[in-house]
Protein backbone atom coordinates (compact mmCIF):
# COMPACT_ATOMS: atom_id res chain seq x y z
CA ALA A 1 -7.84 11.76 -21.49
CA ARG A 2 -10.27 11.65 -24.46
CA ARG A 3 -12.00 8.66 -22.89
CA GLY A 4 -12.15 10.14 -19.37
CA TYR A 5 -9.16 8.44 -17.78
CA SER A 6 -6.12 9.86 -16.04
CA TYR A 7 -2.78 8.08 -16.07
CA THR A 8 -0.15 7.80 -13.34
CA ARG A 9 3.00 5.75 -13.13
CA TYR A 10 5.25 4.59 -10.34
CA ALA A 11 8.39 2.88 -11.68
CA ASP A 12 6.96 0.24 -14.03
CA ASP A 13 3.42 0.25 -12.60
CA LEU A 14 0.87 1.99 -14.81
CA THR A 15 -2.42 3.15 -13.30
CA PHE A 16 -5.45 4.44 -15.14
CA SER A 17 -8.23 6.07 -13.15
CA GLY A 18 -11.64 7.18 -14.25
CA ASP A 19 -15.31 6.41 -14.21
CA GLY A 20 -15.72 5.21 -17.80
CA HIS A 21 -17.43 1.85 -17.30
CA ASP A 22 -17.95 0.93 -20.93
CA GLY A 23 -14.45 1.82 -22.11
CA VAL A 24 -12.42 -0.48 -19.85
CA ALA A 25 -11.96 -3.23 -22.44
CA LEU A 26 -11.03 -0.68 -25.08
CA LEU A 27 -8.60 1.01 -22.69
CA LEU A 28 -6.93 -2.30 -21.81
CA ARG A 29 -6.58 -3.23 -25.47
CA GLY A 30 -5.02 0.14 -26.28
CA VAL A 31 -2.60 -0.01 -23.35
CA ARG A 32 -1.53 -3.53 -24.26
CA THR A 33 -0.87 -2.44 -27.84
CA VAL A 34 1.29 0.50 -26.77
CA VAL A 35 3.16 -1.57 -24.17
CA GLU A 36 4.02 -4.24 -26.76
CA GLU A 37 4.91 -1.70 -29.45
CA GLU A 38 7.39 -0.13 -27.02
CA GLY A 39 9.05 -3.52 -26.50
CA PHE A 40 7.64 -4.31 -23.07
CA ARG A 41 5.45 -7.13 -21.81
CA GLU A 42 2.37 -6.95 -19.66
CA HIS A 43 2.60 -8.82 -16.37
CA PRO A 44 -0.76 -10.63 -16.52
CA THR A 45 -1.07 -11.30 -12.79
CA LYS A 46 -0.50 -7.62 -12.00
CA THR A 47 -3.23 -6.36 -14.35
CA ARG A 48 -6.42 -5.65 -12.43
CA VAL A 49 -9.61 -3.69 -12.90
CA MET A 50 -10.74 -2.32 -9.55
CA ARG A 51 -14.26 -0.97 -9.48
CA ALA A 52 -15.80 1.58 -7.10
CA GLY A 53 -16.99 0.10 -3.83
CA ARG A 54 -14.02 -2.28 -3.62
CA ARG A 55 -10.60 -1.72 -2.11
CA GLN A 56 -8.54 -0.05 -4.82
CA GLU A 57 -4.85 -0.68 -4.19
CA VAL A 58 -1.85 0.56 -6.15
CA THR A 59 1.73 -0.41 -5.17
CA GLY A 60 0.51 -1.48 -1.73
CA VAL A 61 -1.34 1.76 -0.99
CA VAL A 62 -5.13 1.89 -0.78
CA VAL A 63 -6.27 4.77 -3.00
CA ASN A 64 -10.06 4.89 -2.63
CA ALA A 65 -11.46 8.12 -1.10
CA LYS A 66 -8.14 8.84 0.64
CA THR A 67 -4.76 7.16 0.64
CA SER A 68 -4.16 4.67 3.41
CA VAL A 69 -2.46 1.40 4.22
CA ALA A 70 -4.61 -1.72 4.10
CA ARG A 71 -6.56 -2.22 7.32
CA ASP A 72 -5.17 -5.73 7.92
CA GLU A 73 -1.60 -4.42 7.64
CA VAL A 74 -2.25 -1.68 10.21
CA ARG A 75 -3.99 -4.13 12.54
CA ALA A 76 -1.04 -6.52 12.32
CA LEU A 77 1.42 -3.71 13.09
CA ARG A 78 -0.66 -2.55 16.05
CA ALA A 79 -0.79 -6.12 17.37
CA ILE A 80 2.99 -6.47 17.08
CA LEU A 81 3.52 -3.18 18.92
CA HIS A 82 1.02 -4.12 21.62
CA ASN A 83 2.58 -7.54 22.15
CA ALA A 84 6.11 -6.11 22.07
CA ALA A 85 5.16 -3.72 24.89
CA LYS A 86 3.65 -6.57 26.85
CA HIS A 87 6.11 -9.42 26.16
CA GLY A 88 9.25 -7.72 24.85
CA LEU A 89 10.57 -6.93 21.38
CA ALA A 90 12.30 -10.27 20.87
CA SER A 91 9.02 -12.15 21.26
CA GLN A 92 7.61 -10.39 18.19
CA ASN A 93 10.62 -10.67 15.88
CA ARG A 94 9.20 -13.64 14.00
CA GLY A 95 10.90 -12.62 10.75
CA ASP A 96 14.28 -12.69 12.52
CA HIS A 97 15.10 -9.11 11.49
CA PRO A 98 18.68 -8.20 12.48
CA ASN A 99 17.54 -4.74 13.64
CA PHE A 100 13.94 -5.27 14.64
CA GLU A 101 13.65 -1.85 16.26
CA ALA A 102 14.59 -0.13 12.98
CA HIS A 103 12.20 -2.45 11.12
CA LEU A 104 9.29 -1.42 13.36
CA ARG A 105 10.22 2.27 13.20
CA GLY A 106 10.26 1.98 9.41
CA ARG A 107 6.84 0.33 9.29
CA VAL A 108 5.37 3.00 11.56
CA ALA A 109 7.00 5.75 9.46
CA TYR A 110 5.56 4.22 6.28
CA VAL A 111 2.01 4.08 7.66
CA THR A 112 2.23 7.64 9.03
CA MET A 113 3.61 8.91 5.70
CA VAL A 114 0.73 7.36 3.76
CA ASP A 115 -1.94 8.22 6.35
CA PRO A 116 -0.80 10.97 8.78
CA THR A 117 -4.02 10.66 10.80
CA ARG A 118 -2.63 7.42 12.25
CA ALA A 119 0.70 8.99 13.30
CA ALA A 120 0.05 9.93 16.92
CA ALA A 121 -1.49 6.61 18.00
CA LEU A 122 1.17 4.51 16.27
CA ARG A 123 4.04 6.59 17.64
CA GLU A 124 2.55 6.22 21.11
CA GLN A 125 2.38 2.45 20.72
CA LEU A 126 5.92 2.41 19.34
CA ALA A 127 7.21 4.31 22.38
CA ARG A 128 5.48 1.83 24.71
CA ALA A 129 6.96 -1.10 22.78
CA PHE A 130 10.47 0.34 23.29
CA GLY A 131 9.81 1.11 26.94
CA GLU A 132 9.87 4.88 26.33
CA ARG A 133 7.43 7.22 28.02
């Protein structure tokens, strides 16, 4: 807080937010010290500095101006739903999910939870994919 950062945590993911450009290296050094002193290890491939103007993603959720799911993920889901309505559910179950309907409902629920503005359109597509009107 003294350096202008706020801290959030989800499970073992630590996130520091702020607009202190000069203090990033100092912040990282301090966090690494505390993490090691507490008996933990940093996961080097998970440590990222995400600057303004870039997609800032934490635990799979884009957290820039508003929370959302990555655009490519939503586009892929919409394509699956579109093709399922056109060619049938089985044609889109490329991951061989045992309950593909529940899988799709879960993906739609996740996107609508993170970004409720997408709810109506996705639910409509979901209904079409399942032959509901």
